[in-house]
Structures are given as structure tokens and as C-alpha cells.
Protein backbone atom coordinates (compact mmCIF):
# COMPACT_ATOMS: atom_id res chain seq x y z
CA UNK A 1 107.44 9.44 1.87
CA UNK A 2 105.68 11.64 4.42
CA UNK A 3 101.94 12.02 4.60
CA UNK A 4 100.89 15.65 3.99
CA UNK A 5 97.85 15.11 6.24
CA UNK A 6 100.21 14.43 9.16
CA UNK A 7 101.87 17.83 9.22
CA UNK A 8 102.59 19.21 12.69
CA UNK A 9 99.73 21.70 12.30
CA UNK A 10 97.22 18.83 11.93
CA UNK A 11 98.46 16.49 14.67
CA UNK A 12 97.02 17.13 18.14
CA UNK A 13 99.64 17.95 20.80
CA UNK A 14 101.30 14.77 22.09
CA UNK A 15 100.10 12.61 19.20
CA UNK A 16 102.54 10.60 17.12
CA UNK A 17 105.59 11.39 19.26
CA UNK A 18 107.40 9.42 22.00
CA UNK A 19 106.28 10.47 25.48
CA UNK A 20 106.99 9.65 29.09
CA UNK A 21 104.21 9.65 31.67
CA UNK A 22 104.88 9.91 35.41
CA UNK A 23 102.56 7.73 37.48
CA UNK A 24 102.81 10.40 40.19
CA UNK A 25 101.22 12.95 37.81
CA UNK A 26 98.31 10.78 36.67
CA UNK A 27 94.79 11.78 37.73
CA UNK A 28 92.66 8.64 37.96
CA UNK A 29 88.92 8.50 37.44
CA UNK A 30 86.54 6.29 39.39
CA UNK A 31 85.90 2.78 37.95
CA UNK A 32 83.77 1.82 40.94
CA UNK A 33 83.63 2.75 44.64
CA UNK A 34 86.77 0.61 45.21
CA UNK A 35 88.76 1.01 41.99
CA UNK A 36 90.27 3.85 39.96
CA UNK A 37 91.90 4.03 36.51
CA UNK A 38 94.07 6.38 34.50
CA UNK A 39 93.82 5.54 30.81
CA UNK A 40 97.21 6.78 29.71
CA UNK A 41 98.07 5.60 26.18
CA UNK A 42 95.17 5.45 23.71
CA UNK A 43 93.83 7.11 20.57
CA UNK A 44 92.66 10.21 22.47
CA UNK A 45 95.81 10.86 24.51
CA UNK A 46 98.62 9.87 22.15
CA UNK A 47 97.05 8.81 18.86
CA UNK A 48 97.89 5.14 19.63
CA UNK A 49 95.87 2.89 17.32
CA UNK A 50 97.17 -0.59 18.13
CA UNK A 51 97.24 -0.66 21.94
CA UNK A 52 95.57 0.76 25.04
CA UNK A 53 97.52 1.19 28.29
CA UNK A 54 97.02 2.63 31.73
CA UNK A 55 97.27 2.22 35.46
CA UNK A 56 94.62 1.19 37.95
CA UNK A 57 94.40 1.21 41.73
CA UNK A 58 92.07 -1.12 43.67
CA UNK A 59 91.29 -1.23 47.37
CA UNK A 60 91.63 -4.32 49.60
CA UNK A 61 88.74 -6.70 48.92
CA UNK A 62 87.94 -5.10 45.56
CA UNK A 63 86.74 -7.59 42.94
CA UNK A 64 86.42 -7.38 39.18
CA UNK A 65 86.42 -9.36 36.00
CA UNK A 66 86.30 -9.24 32.21
CA UNK A 67 86.40 -11.42 29.13
CA UNK A 68 88.21 -11.28 25.81
CA UNK A 69 87.17 -13.03 22.65
CA UNK A 70 85.21 -13.21 19.46
CA UNK A 71 81.95 -13.41 21.39
CA UNK A 72 80.66 -12.65 24.87
CA UNK A 73 80.76 -15.84 27.00
CA UNK A 74 78.00 -14.43 29.21
CA UNK A 75 79.85 -15.06 32.48
CA UNK A 76 78.43 -12.97 35.36
CA UNK A 77 80.84 -10.27 36.52
CA UNK A 78 83.03 -10.60 33.41
CA UNK A 79 82.03 -7.88 30.92
CA UNK A 80 83.12 -8.58 27.35
CA UNK A 81 85.73 -6.08 26.02
CA UNK A 82 86.22 -7.59 22.56
CA UNK A 83 89.02 -9.50 20.89
CA UNK A 84 92.38 -8.89 22.52
CA UNK A 85 95.13 -9.79 24.90
CA UNK A 86 96.37 -7.99 27.98
CA UNK A 87 99.52 -7.83 30.07
CA UNK A 88 99.69 -6.65 33.68
CA UNK A 89 102.72 -5.49 35.61
CA UNK A 90 101.76 -5.57 39.28
CA UNK A 91 103.42 -2.64 41.04
CA UNK A 92 101.86 -3.10 44.48
CA UNK A 93 99.59 -5.53 46.33
CA UNK A 94 98.42 -9.10 45.74
CA UNK A 95 95.57 -10.49 43.59
CA UNK A 96 93.66 -13.79 43.43
CA UNK A 97 92.49 -14.87 39.97
CA UNK A 98 89.69 -17.26 39.03
CA UNK A 99 89.42 -18.26 35.40
CA UNK A 100 87.68 -21.03 33.46
CA UNK A 101 90.74 -23.31 33.87
CA UNK A 102 91.42 -22.82 37.58
CA UNK A 103 92.91 -20.18 39.83
CA UNK A 104 96.21 -18.56 40.79
CA UNK A 105 97.65 -15.59 42.69
CA UNK A 106 100.13 -12.90 41.75
CA UNK A 107 101.65 -9.83 43.37
CA UNK A 108 104.08 -6.94 43.18
CA UNK A 109 106.84 -7.59 40.67
CA UNK A 110 104.84 -10.16 38.69
CA UNK A 111 103.88 -9.87 35.01
CA UNK A 112 100.63 -11.58 34.02
CA UNK A 113 99.47 -12.45 30.51
CA UNK A 114 95.72 -12.61 29.80
CA UNK A 115 94.97 -14.46 26.51
CA UNK A 116 92.11 -13.97 24.07
CA UNK A 117 88.98 -16.16 24.30
CA UNK A 118 89.09 -16.40 28.11
CA UNK A 119 87.22 -14.88 31.06
CA UNK A 120 88.75 -13.85 34.41
CA UNK A 121 87.61 -12.74 37.86
CA UNK A 122 90.01 -11.00 40.22
CA UNK A 123 90.00 -10.08 43.91
CA UNK A 124 92.50 -7.97 45.86
CA UNK A 125 94.02 -9.99 48.72
CA UNK A 126 95.20 -8.71 52.08
CA UNK A 127 95.23 -5.19 53.49
CA UNK A 128 97.41 -3.56 50.83
CA UNK A 129 95.82 -1.77 47.86
CA UNK A 130 96.80 -2.90 44.36
CA UNK A 131 98.50 -0.72 41.78
CA UNK A 132 98.72 -2.20 38.29
CA UNK A 133 100.09 -1.11 34.92
CA UNK A 134 98.28 -2.72 31.99
CA UNK A 135 98.49 -2.91 28.21
CA UNK A 136 95.68 -4.20 25.96
CA UNK A 137 96.20 -5.00 22.29
CA UNK A 138 94.36 -4.31 20.16
CA UNK A 139 92.43 -1.61 22.03
CA UNK A 140 89.12 -2.85 23.47
CA UNK A 141 86.07 -2.49 21.24
CA UNK A 142 83.81 -2.14 24.26
CA UNK A 143 84.86 -0.59 27.55
CA UNK A 144 82.96 1.08 30.36
CA UNK A 145 83.17 4.80 30.96
CA UNK A 146 84.93 6.22 33.98
CA UNK A 147 83.50 8.46 36.66
CA UNK A 148 84.75 11.72 38.09
CA UNK A 149 88.44 12.43 38.75
CA UNK A 150 89.57 11.15 42.16
CA UNK A 151 92.82 10.83 44.08
CA UNK A 152 94.82 7.61 43.85
CA UNK A 153 93.17 6.54 47.13
CA UNK A 154 89.68 7.23 45.72
CA UNK A 155 88.87 10.49 47.52
CA UNK A 156 86.87 13.00 45.44
CA UNK A 157 88.82 15.92 43.99
CA UNK A 158 87.34 19.33 44.58
CA UNK A 159 86.76 21.16 41.26
CA UNK A 160 89.59 23.69 41.83
CA UNK A 161 91.95 21.44 43.82
CA UNK A 162 95.11 19.89 42.39
CA UNK A 163 95.09 16.10 42.03
């Protein structure tokens, strides 16, 4: 039986319907001076309630980290994003990973699973930038805000200029 509250007049455009997103059309926002993200599938953009997905770009030498789990492990450089799991599909570049159980590398064409109750640090290897598609489930309960819109290479976008 349909929900009367979910009539087309009450559903924001693009919510609750299948959609395709072109990576070429995404406008990333600054994560840091060396990393950019486009948060593509989430409650705000599509009405998604059970996952959070996007694309990020990181420059050579860029480093990051995060932790999933019931509680914050307090590891420097690994902000806690709540309970969840994540999957990466590396589209470009190569990454070194340090985690509490060791280290490994991955690159373009690899799929990486990040389990709950773990912390991770990453670093872009070589001279090629990284481009990564990611999916987090459930959506993070704590996540940092993004900066101003930028190009995929990190250059500022003038207010009236196309991305």
C-alpha cells in the first residue's frame, strides 16, 4: 500500500527514484588543501537513508585517515565517523594503507573493504593523483564539513564560472 505522505508533490526532486550521476559533471568541494570530495548519494541529494556514497580526488603525497566503530579509538589523524563499513573502488592512482594490523597498498582497478571497529591511515603514492568512488553504510554519524566548490584538480571556482 502506498504512503500518502510520499506523493510526488511532497518528495523533493531526485528523491526516491533511480538516478545516474556522471563523474564528469560532479563539482567537488575542498576536504583539505590536497583533497576534494563530491558527496553524491545521501539523504540530501537522493533521500538515501541506508548508505552514503561519493567520489574523492587526492593529490600526490596527500594523507588522511578515519576510524569506524562503536567508540572513538583516539588514534591521531583518524577521526571517528561512527559505526559503519566502507568500500572503495580505486579509479586512478595508488594508495598506501596503515592500519592497526599492518599495512598494504592498492591502486586503480582495486576494490577495498574497510570493516567496522578499525582505524586506517592512507597516503597517496607516486606522482599520479588518486580518484576514488566510495560507499559507506550506514551513513556516518559524524563527518566533517566540506569547503568551497573547486575543480577536480583543486583550483578555486570563480562564483560565476562553470565547474
